[in-house]
N, C-alpha and C. Protein backbone atom coordinates (compact mmCIF):
# COMPACT_ATOMS: atom_id res chain seq x y z
N MET A 1 -41.96 -7.72 8.99
CA MET A 1 -40.56 -7.69 8.59
C MET A 1 -39.71 -7.31 9.79
N ASN A 2 -38.62 -8.00 9.97
CA ASN A 2 -37.71 -7.76 11.08
C ASN A 2 -36.81 -6.58 10.74
N SER A 3 -36.90 -5.48 11.49
CA SER A 3 -36.12 -4.28 11.17
C SER A 3 -34.63 -4.48 11.40
N SER A 4 -34.22 -5.49 12.17
CA SER A 4 -32.81 -5.73 12.41
C SER A 4 -32.12 -6.28 11.16
N ARG A 5 -32.88 -6.70 10.18
CA ARG A 5 -32.29 -7.24 8.96
C ARG A 5 -32.14 -6.18 7.87
N LYS A 6 -32.58 -4.97 8.12
CA LYS A 6 -32.45 -3.91 7.13
C LYS A 6 -30.99 -3.54 6.96
N PRO A 7 -30.55 -3.29 5.74
CA PRO A 7 -29.18 -2.86 5.55
C PRO A 7 -28.98 -1.46 6.15
N THR A 8 -27.81 -1.25 6.73
CA THR A 8 -27.53 0.05 7.32
C THR A 8 -27.23 1.10 6.25
N ILE A 9 -26.78 0.65 5.10
CA ILE A 9 -26.51 1.55 3.98
C ILE A 9 -27.35 1.07 2.81
N PRO A 10 -28.14 1.95 2.20
CA PRO A 10 -28.97 1.51 1.07
C PRO A 10 -28.12 1.09 -0.13
N ALA A 11 -28.63 0.17 -0.91
CA ALA A 11 -27.92 -0.31 -2.09
C ALA A 11 -27.73 0.81 -3.10
N LYS A 12 -26.56 0.88 -3.66
CA LYS A 12 -26.24 1.92 -4.65
C LYS A 12 -26.89 1.62 -6.00
N ASN A 13 -26.93 0.34 -6.36
CA ASN A 13 -27.48 -0.09 -7.65
C ASN A 13 -26.84 0.64 -8.82
N ALA A 14 -25.52 0.72 -8.77
CA ALA A 14 -24.74 1.37 -9.83
C ALA A 14 -23.33 0.79 -9.80
N ARG A 15 -22.53 1.15 -10.78
CA ARG A 15 -21.14 0.70 -10.82
C ARG A 15 -20.40 1.22 -9.59
N LEU A 16 -19.42 0.46 -9.16
CA LEU A 16 -18.59 0.91 -8.05
C LEU A 16 -17.68 2.04 -8.53
N ALA A 17 -17.54 3.07 -7.72
CA ALA A 17 -16.68 4.19 -8.08
C ALA A 17 -15.24 3.96 -7.63
N THR A 18 -15.06 3.21 -6.54
CA THR A 18 -13.72 2.92 -6.03
C THR A 18 -13.65 1.48 -5.56
N PHE A 19 -12.45 0.97 -5.49
CA PHE A 19 -12.22 -0.38 -4.99
C PHE A 19 -12.73 -0.51 -3.55
N GLU A 20 -12.53 0.54 -2.77
CA GLU A 20 -12.90 0.52 -1.36
C GLU A 20 -14.39 0.26 -1.15
N GLU A 21 -15.24 0.59 -2.13
CA GLU A 21 -16.68 0.35 -2.01
C GLU A 21 -16.99 -1.14 -1.87
N LEU A 22 -16.08 -2.01 -2.29
CA LEU A 22 -16.29 -3.44 -2.13
C LEU A 22 -16.44 -3.82 -0.65
N ALA A 23 -15.90 -3.00 0.24
CA ALA A 23 -16.02 -3.28 1.68
C ALA A 23 -17.47 -3.20 2.13
N LEU A 24 -18.33 -2.58 1.35
CA LEU A 24 -19.75 -2.46 1.69
C LEU A 24 -20.55 -3.67 1.22
N VAL A 25 -19.92 -4.55 0.45
CA VAL A 25 -20.59 -5.73 -0.08
C VAL A 25 -20.40 -6.89 0.90
N LYS A 26 -21.50 -7.55 1.23
CA LYS A 26 -21.46 -8.67 2.16
C LYS A 26 -20.45 -9.72 1.70
N GLY A 27 -19.60 -10.14 2.62
CA GLY A 27 -18.61 -11.17 2.32
C GLY A 27 -17.24 -10.62 1.99
N PHE A 28 -17.16 -9.34 1.70
CA PHE A 28 -15.86 -8.73 1.38
C PHE A 28 -15.25 -8.17 2.66
N THR A 29 -14.63 -9.05 3.42
CA THR A 29 -13.99 -8.65 4.67
C THR A 29 -12.67 -7.95 4.36
N GLY A 30 -12.11 -7.32 5.37
CA GLY A 30 -10.81 -6.67 5.20
C GLY A 30 -9.75 -7.62 4.71
N GLU A 31 -9.78 -8.85 5.22
CA GLU A 31 -8.80 -9.86 4.80
C GLU A 31 -8.96 -10.21 3.32
N VAL A 32 -10.20 -10.39 2.89
CA VAL A 32 -10.47 -10.71 1.48
C VAL A 32 -10.01 -9.55 0.59
N LEU A 33 -10.32 -8.34 0.99
CA LEU A 33 -9.94 -7.18 0.19
C LEU A 33 -8.42 -7.05 0.05
N LEU A 34 -7.69 -7.32 1.13
CA LEU A 34 -6.23 -7.28 1.06
C LEU A 34 -5.69 -8.32 0.09
N GLN A 35 -6.31 -9.49 0.06
CA GLN A 35 -5.85 -10.56 -0.81
C GLN A 35 -6.11 -10.26 -2.29
N ILE A 36 -7.26 -9.66 -2.59
CA ILE A 36 -7.60 -9.45 -4.01
C ILE A 36 -7.15 -8.09 -4.55
N ARG A 37 -6.75 -7.17 -3.68
CA ARG A 37 -6.38 -5.81 -4.10
C ARG A 37 -5.39 -5.77 -5.27
N PRO A 38 -4.32 -6.55 -5.23
CA PRO A 38 -3.36 -6.45 -6.34
C PRO A 38 -3.90 -6.94 -7.69
N TYR A 39 -5.02 -7.66 -7.67
CA TYR A 39 -5.52 -8.30 -8.89
C TYR A 39 -6.88 -7.78 -9.35
N THR A 40 -7.44 -6.80 -8.64
CA THR A 40 -8.82 -6.40 -8.89
C THR A 40 -8.93 -4.92 -9.20
N THR A 41 -9.84 -4.60 -10.11
CA THR A 41 -10.13 -3.20 -10.41
C THR A 41 -11.63 -3.03 -10.60
N VAL A 42 -12.11 -1.84 -10.37
CA VAL A 42 -13.51 -1.52 -10.66
C VAL A 42 -13.58 -0.63 -11.90
N TYR A 43 -12.44 -0.44 -12.55
CA TYR A 43 -12.36 0.45 -13.71
C TYR A 43 -12.16 -0.36 -14.99
N GLY A 44 -13.21 -1.00 -15.47
CA GLY A 44 -13.13 -1.77 -16.69
C GLY A 44 -13.04 -0.87 -17.91
N GLU A 45 -12.30 -1.30 -18.90
CA GLU A 45 -12.12 -0.50 -20.11
C GLU A 45 -13.39 -0.40 -20.93
N ASN A 46 -14.15 -1.48 -20.99
CA ASN A 46 -15.37 -1.44 -21.80
C ASN A 46 -16.62 -1.31 -20.95
N ARG A 47 -16.45 -1.05 -19.65
CA ARG A 47 -17.53 -0.80 -18.70
C ARG A 47 -18.43 -2.00 -18.48
N VAL A 48 -18.10 -3.16 -19.05
CA VAL A 48 -18.86 -4.37 -18.79
C VAL A 48 -17.98 -5.32 -17.98
N ALA A 49 -16.95 -5.81 -18.59
CA ALA A 49 -15.99 -6.67 -17.91
C ALA A 49 -14.62 -6.40 -18.49
N ALA A 50 -13.67 -6.12 -17.65
CA ALA A 50 -12.32 -5.82 -18.12
C ALA A 50 -11.64 -7.13 -18.53
N PRO A 51 -11.20 -7.23 -19.78
CA PRO A 51 -10.46 -8.43 -20.18
C PRO A 51 -9.10 -8.48 -19.49
N ILE A 52 -8.55 -9.65 -19.37
CA ILE A 52 -7.25 -9.84 -18.73
C ILE A 52 -6.15 -9.68 -19.77
N ASN A 53 -5.19 -8.82 -19.48
CA ASN A 53 -4.06 -8.61 -20.38
C ASN A 53 -3.06 -9.74 -20.17
N ILE A 54 -2.93 -10.60 -21.15
CA ILE A 54 -2.05 -11.77 -21.02
C ILE A 54 -0.57 -11.40 -21.07
N ASN A 55 -0.25 -10.17 -21.44
CA ASN A 55 1.14 -9.71 -21.42
C ASN A 55 1.57 -9.26 -20.03
N THR A 56 0.65 -8.94 -19.15
CA THR A 56 1.01 -8.41 -17.84
C THR A 56 0.40 -9.18 -16.67
N ALA A 57 -0.52 -10.07 -16.92
CA ALA A 57 -1.21 -10.77 -15.83
C ALA A 57 -0.23 -11.62 -15.02
N PRO A 58 -0.32 -11.55 -13.68
CA PRO A 58 0.51 -12.41 -12.84
C PRO A 58 0.04 -13.86 -12.92
N LYS A 59 0.88 -14.73 -12.44
CA LYS A 59 0.62 -16.17 -12.50
C LYS A 59 -0.74 -16.55 -11.91
N LYS A 60 -1.11 -15.98 -10.76
CA LYS A 60 -2.39 -16.32 -10.12
C LYS A 60 -3.57 -16.02 -11.03
N ILE A 61 -3.49 -14.94 -11.78
CA ILE A 61 -4.58 -14.56 -12.67
C ILE A 61 -4.61 -15.47 -13.89
N LEU A 62 -3.45 -15.79 -14.44
CA LEU A 62 -3.41 -16.70 -15.60
C LEU A 62 -4.01 -18.06 -15.23
N VAL A 63 -3.68 -18.58 -14.06
CA VAL A 63 -4.22 -19.87 -13.61
C VAL A 63 -5.74 -19.78 -13.45
N ALA A 64 -6.23 -18.63 -13.00
CA ALA A 64 -7.67 -18.47 -12.77
C ALA A 64 -8.48 -18.33 -14.06
N LEU A 65 -7.83 -18.11 -15.19
CA LEU A 65 -8.54 -17.95 -16.46
C LEU A 65 -9.28 -19.21 -16.90
N ASP A 66 -8.71 -20.38 -16.58
CA ASP A 66 -9.31 -21.63 -17.03
C ASP A 66 -8.83 -22.76 -16.13
N ASP A 67 -9.69 -23.70 -15.83
CA ASP A 67 -9.32 -24.84 -14.97
C ASP A 67 -8.18 -25.66 -15.56
N ALA A 68 -8.01 -25.61 -16.87
CA ALA A 68 -6.97 -26.41 -17.52
C ALA A 68 -5.59 -25.73 -17.47
N ILE A 69 -5.51 -24.50 -16.99
CA ILE A 69 -4.21 -23.81 -16.90
C ILE A 69 -3.61 -24.10 -15.53
N SER A 70 -2.55 -24.90 -15.54
CA SER A 70 -1.85 -25.26 -14.32
C SER A 70 -0.80 -24.19 -13.99
N ASP A 71 -0.17 -24.32 -12.85
CA ASP A 71 0.91 -23.40 -12.49
C ASP A 71 2.04 -23.47 -13.52
N SER A 72 2.38 -24.68 -13.94
CA SER A 72 3.48 -24.82 -14.90
C SER A 72 3.10 -24.25 -16.27
N LEU A 73 1.85 -24.40 -16.67
CA LEU A 73 1.41 -23.82 -17.94
C LEU A 73 1.40 -22.30 -17.86
N ALA A 74 1.00 -21.75 -16.72
CA ALA A 74 1.04 -20.30 -16.53
C ALA A 74 2.48 -19.79 -16.60
N GLU A 75 3.41 -20.55 -16.04
CA GLU A 75 4.82 -20.18 -16.12
C GLU A 75 5.32 -20.20 -17.56
N GLN A 76 4.85 -21.18 -18.36
CA GLN A 76 5.21 -21.23 -19.78
C GLN A 76 4.71 -19.99 -20.51
N ILE A 77 3.49 -19.54 -20.18
CA ILE A 77 2.94 -18.33 -20.79
C ILE A 77 3.82 -17.14 -20.43
N MET A 78 4.20 -17.05 -19.16
CA MET A 78 5.03 -15.93 -18.71
C MET A 78 6.41 -15.96 -19.36
N ASN A 79 6.99 -17.13 -19.50
CA ASN A 79 8.29 -17.25 -20.16
C ASN A 79 8.19 -16.87 -21.64
N TYR A 80 7.13 -17.29 -22.29
CA TYR A 80 6.91 -16.98 -23.70
C TYR A 80 6.82 -15.47 -23.91
N ARG A 81 6.02 -14.80 -23.08
CA ARG A 81 5.80 -13.37 -23.28
C ARG A 81 7.03 -12.53 -22.93
N ARG A 82 7.94 -13.08 -22.10
CA ARG A 82 9.19 -12.36 -21.79
C ARG A 82 10.03 -12.17 -23.05
N SER A 83 10.09 -13.20 -23.87
CA SER A 83 10.90 -13.12 -25.09
C SER A 83 10.09 -12.65 -26.29
N THR A 84 8.79 -12.94 -26.29
CA THR A 84 7.93 -12.59 -27.42
C THR A 84 6.59 -12.09 -26.89
N PRO A 85 6.49 -10.78 -26.57
CA PRO A 85 5.19 -10.29 -26.09
C PRO A 85 4.09 -10.55 -27.11
N PHE A 86 2.92 -10.88 -26.62
CA PHE A 86 1.78 -11.16 -27.50
C PHE A 86 1.34 -9.88 -28.19
N THR A 87 1.15 -9.94 -29.50
CA THR A 87 0.65 -8.78 -30.24
C THR A 87 -0.81 -8.95 -30.62
N ASN A 88 -1.31 -10.18 -30.55
CA ASN A 88 -2.74 -10.43 -30.73
C ASN A 88 -3.13 -11.65 -29.89
N LYS A 89 -4.41 -11.75 -29.59
CA LYS A 89 -4.90 -12.79 -28.69
C LYS A 89 -4.66 -14.20 -29.22
N GLY A 90 -4.70 -14.37 -30.52
CA GLY A 90 -4.52 -15.68 -31.12
C GLY A 90 -3.14 -16.28 -30.87
N GLU A 91 -2.15 -15.43 -30.62
CA GLU A 91 -0.79 -15.91 -30.38
C GLU A 91 -0.66 -16.71 -29.09
N LEU A 92 -1.63 -16.60 -28.19
CA LEU A 92 -1.59 -17.40 -26.96
C LEU A 92 -1.57 -18.89 -27.30
N GLY A 93 -2.18 -19.26 -28.42
CA GLY A 93 -2.18 -20.65 -28.87
C GLY A 93 -0.80 -21.15 -29.28
N ASN A 94 0.17 -20.26 -29.45
CA ASN A 94 1.54 -20.67 -29.79
C ASN A 94 2.29 -21.23 -28.59
N VAL A 95 1.79 -20.98 -27.39
CA VAL A 95 2.43 -21.52 -26.19
C VAL A 95 2.08 -23.01 -26.13
N PRO A 96 3.10 -23.88 -26.02
CA PRO A 96 2.82 -25.32 -25.96
C PRO A 96 1.78 -25.66 -24.89
N GLY A 97 0.74 -26.39 -25.29
CA GLY A 97 -0.32 -26.80 -24.39
C GLY A 97 -1.49 -25.83 -24.33
N MET A 98 -1.41 -24.71 -25.05
CA MET A 98 -2.45 -23.68 -24.96
C MET A 98 -3.35 -23.59 -26.19
N LYS A 99 -3.09 -24.35 -27.24
CA LYS A 99 -3.85 -24.20 -28.48
C LYS A 99 -5.37 -24.30 -28.27
N VAL A 100 -5.83 -25.35 -27.65
CA VAL A 100 -7.27 -25.55 -27.44
C VAL A 100 -7.81 -24.58 -26.38
N ILE A 101 -7.06 -24.42 -25.30
CA ILE A 101 -7.50 -23.53 -24.21
C ILE A 101 -7.64 -22.10 -24.69
N ALA A 102 -6.68 -21.64 -25.49
CA ALA A 102 -6.66 -20.24 -25.96
C ALA A 102 -7.90 -19.90 -26.77
N THR A 103 -8.42 -20.84 -27.51
CA THR A 103 -9.62 -20.60 -28.32
C THR A 103 -10.80 -20.19 -27.45
N GLY A 104 -10.95 -20.82 -26.30
CA GLY A 104 -12.06 -20.52 -25.40
C GLY A 104 -11.88 -19.24 -24.59
N LEU A 105 -10.69 -18.66 -24.63
CA LEU A 105 -10.40 -17.47 -23.83
C LEU A 105 -10.51 -16.17 -24.62
N GLN A 106 -10.76 -16.23 -25.90
CA GLN A 106 -10.67 -15.05 -26.76
C GLN A 106 -11.51 -13.86 -26.31
N LEU A 107 -12.66 -14.10 -25.70
CA LEU A 107 -13.52 -12.99 -25.26
C LEU A 107 -13.12 -12.45 -23.89
N ARG A 108 -12.23 -13.17 -23.19
CA ARG A 108 -11.86 -12.78 -21.83
C ARG A 108 -10.44 -12.24 -21.70
N ILE A 109 -9.70 -12.18 -22.82
CA ILE A 109 -8.32 -11.72 -22.75
C ILE A 109 -8.07 -10.58 -23.73
N THR A 110 -6.96 -9.90 -23.51
CA THR A 110 -6.50 -8.85 -24.41
C THR A 110 -4.97 -8.83 -24.37
N VAL A 111 -4.36 -8.06 -25.25
CA VAL A 111 -2.90 -7.94 -25.26
C VAL A 111 -2.46 -6.51 -24.98
N LYS A 112 -3.41 -5.62 -24.79
CA LYS A 112 -3.10 -4.22 -24.50
C LYS A 112 -4.01 -3.74 -23.38
N SER A 113 -3.52 -2.77 -22.63
CA SER A 113 -4.31 -2.18 -21.55
C SER A 113 -4.36 -0.67 -21.72
N ASN A 114 -5.45 -0.10 -21.28
CA ASN A 114 -5.58 1.36 -21.29
C ASN A 114 -5.77 1.92 -19.89
N VAL A 115 -6.04 1.07 -18.91
CA VAL A 115 -6.25 1.52 -17.54
C VAL A 115 -5.14 0.93 -16.68
N PHE A 116 -4.51 1.80 -15.88
CA PHE A 116 -3.37 1.38 -15.07
C PHE A 116 -3.50 1.90 -13.65
N ARG A 117 -3.09 1.06 -12.71
CA ARG A 117 -3.03 1.46 -11.30
C ARG A 117 -1.59 1.78 -10.97
N ILE A 118 -1.37 2.94 -10.38
CA ILE A 118 -0.02 3.39 -10.01
C ILE A 118 0.00 3.59 -8.50
N ARG A 119 1.00 3.01 -7.85
CA ARG A 119 1.15 3.18 -6.40
C ARG A 119 2.58 3.61 -6.13
N ALA A 120 2.73 4.75 -5.46
CA ALA A 120 4.05 5.26 -5.10
C ALA A 120 4.12 5.40 -3.58
N GLU A 121 5.24 4.98 -3.02
CA GLU A 121 5.43 5.06 -1.58
C GLU A 121 6.76 5.73 -1.32
N ALA A 122 6.77 6.70 -0.40
CA ALA A 122 8.00 7.41 -0.05
C ALA A 122 8.11 7.49 1.46
N GLN A 123 9.36 7.44 1.94
CA GLN A 123 9.59 7.53 3.38
C GLN A 123 10.65 8.59 3.64
N VAL A 124 10.31 9.51 4.55
CA VAL A 124 11.24 10.57 4.96
C VAL A 124 11.20 10.67 6.48
N ASN A 125 12.35 10.57 7.09
CA ASN A 125 12.45 10.68 8.55
C ASN A 125 11.44 9.80 9.29
N GLY A 126 11.27 8.59 8.83
CA GLY A 126 10.39 7.63 9.49
C GLY A 126 8.91 7.79 9.17
N THR A 127 8.55 8.78 8.38
CA THR A 127 7.16 8.97 7.98
C THR A 127 6.97 8.46 6.57
N THR A 128 5.97 7.60 6.39
CA THR A 128 5.70 7.02 5.08
C THR A 128 4.43 7.64 4.51
N ARG A 129 4.48 8.02 3.25
CA ARG A 129 3.31 8.54 2.53
C ARG A 129 3.12 7.68 1.29
N VAL A 130 1.84 7.43 0.97
CA VAL A 130 1.50 6.62 -0.19
C VAL A 130 0.54 7.41 -1.07
N VAL A 131 0.78 7.34 -2.37
CA VAL A 131 -0.14 7.91 -3.35
C VAL A 131 -0.56 6.78 -4.27
N GLU A 132 -1.86 6.63 -4.45
CA GLU A 132 -2.40 5.65 -5.39
C GLU A 132 -3.23 6.39 -6.42
N SER A 133 -3.09 5.96 -7.65
CA SER A 133 -3.87 6.57 -8.71
C SER A 133 -4.25 5.51 -9.73
N VAL A 134 -5.38 5.70 -10.37
CA VAL A 134 -5.78 4.87 -11.51
C VAL A 134 -5.95 5.84 -12.67
N VAL A 135 -5.24 5.56 -13.75
CA VAL A 135 -5.28 6.45 -14.91
C VAL A 135 -5.72 5.66 -16.15
N SER A 136 -6.29 6.39 -17.08
CA SER A 136 -6.71 5.80 -18.35
C SER A 136 -6.03 6.52 -19.49
N PHE A 137 -5.56 5.75 -20.47
CA PHE A 137 -4.97 6.31 -21.69
C PHE A 137 -5.88 6.04 -22.88
N ALA A 138 -7.16 6.07 -22.68
CA ALA A 138 -8.12 5.76 -23.74
C ALA A 138 -8.07 6.82 -24.84
N GLN A 139 -8.05 6.36 -26.07
CA GLN A 139 -8.07 7.20 -27.26
C GLN A 139 -6.98 8.28 -27.23
N GLY A 140 -5.83 7.93 -26.69
CA GLY A 140 -4.68 8.82 -26.69
C GLY A 140 -4.73 9.94 -25.67
N ALA A 141 -5.75 9.99 -24.84
CA ALA A 141 -5.86 11.05 -23.85
C ALA A 141 -5.71 10.47 -22.44
N LEU A 142 -4.94 11.13 -21.62
CA LEU A 142 -4.74 10.70 -20.24
C LEU A 142 -5.82 11.30 -19.35
N SER A 143 -6.44 10.45 -18.54
CA SER A 143 -7.40 10.96 -17.56
C SER A 143 -7.21 10.20 -16.26
N THR A 144 -7.38 10.92 -15.16
CA THR A 144 -7.25 10.32 -13.83
C THR A 144 -8.64 9.84 -13.38
N LEU A 145 -8.74 8.55 -13.09
CA LEU A 145 -10.00 7.97 -12.66
C LEU A 145 -10.11 7.94 -11.14
N TYR A 146 -8.95 7.91 -10.48
CA TYR A 146 -8.92 7.78 -9.02
C TYR A 146 -7.61 8.33 -8.51
N TRP A 147 -7.66 9.02 -7.35
CA TRP A 147 -6.46 9.55 -6.72
C TRP A 147 -6.67 9.50 -5.21
N ARG A 148 -5.69 8.96 -4.51
CA ARG A 148 -5.78 8.88 -3.06
C ARG A 148 -4.39 9.01 -2.45
N GLU A 149 -4.30 9.82 -1.41
CA GLU A 149 -3.04 9.98 -0.66
C GLU A 149 -3.30 9.59 0.78
N TYR A 150 -2.37 8.87 1.35
CA TYR A 150 -2.47 8.52 2.76
C TYR A 150 -1.11 8.27 3.35
């Protein structure tokens, strides 16, 4: 066995504790991480796969849900939810062009979220400070899952 091929850090073989741990995964370069940061979390609500909240998902995420969702269809979803937020997953089928597509998305979407990423940035006398936090409101209780200041 060639010792030069050994990983420098042993595999964790567990859930990621922070988003930054993705930097340890082959292929996740700094550039890739910067691109996916606004859309990615390691804090799933059900600890298997976090469903996408169709009331808050940005256009890029809506388009990524299914090959049949075009940019214009994603915009229709966003326009619909501005005036009528979704109260259940089945209502996604009310958006023109989404009836058939929505049926196949039922296990991958939600209309409510319990985990939120908060980022605050302040500048005083030319010095900028950032605080990032991930919080959970599961079962009516607030808990901090992640906190970072820089």
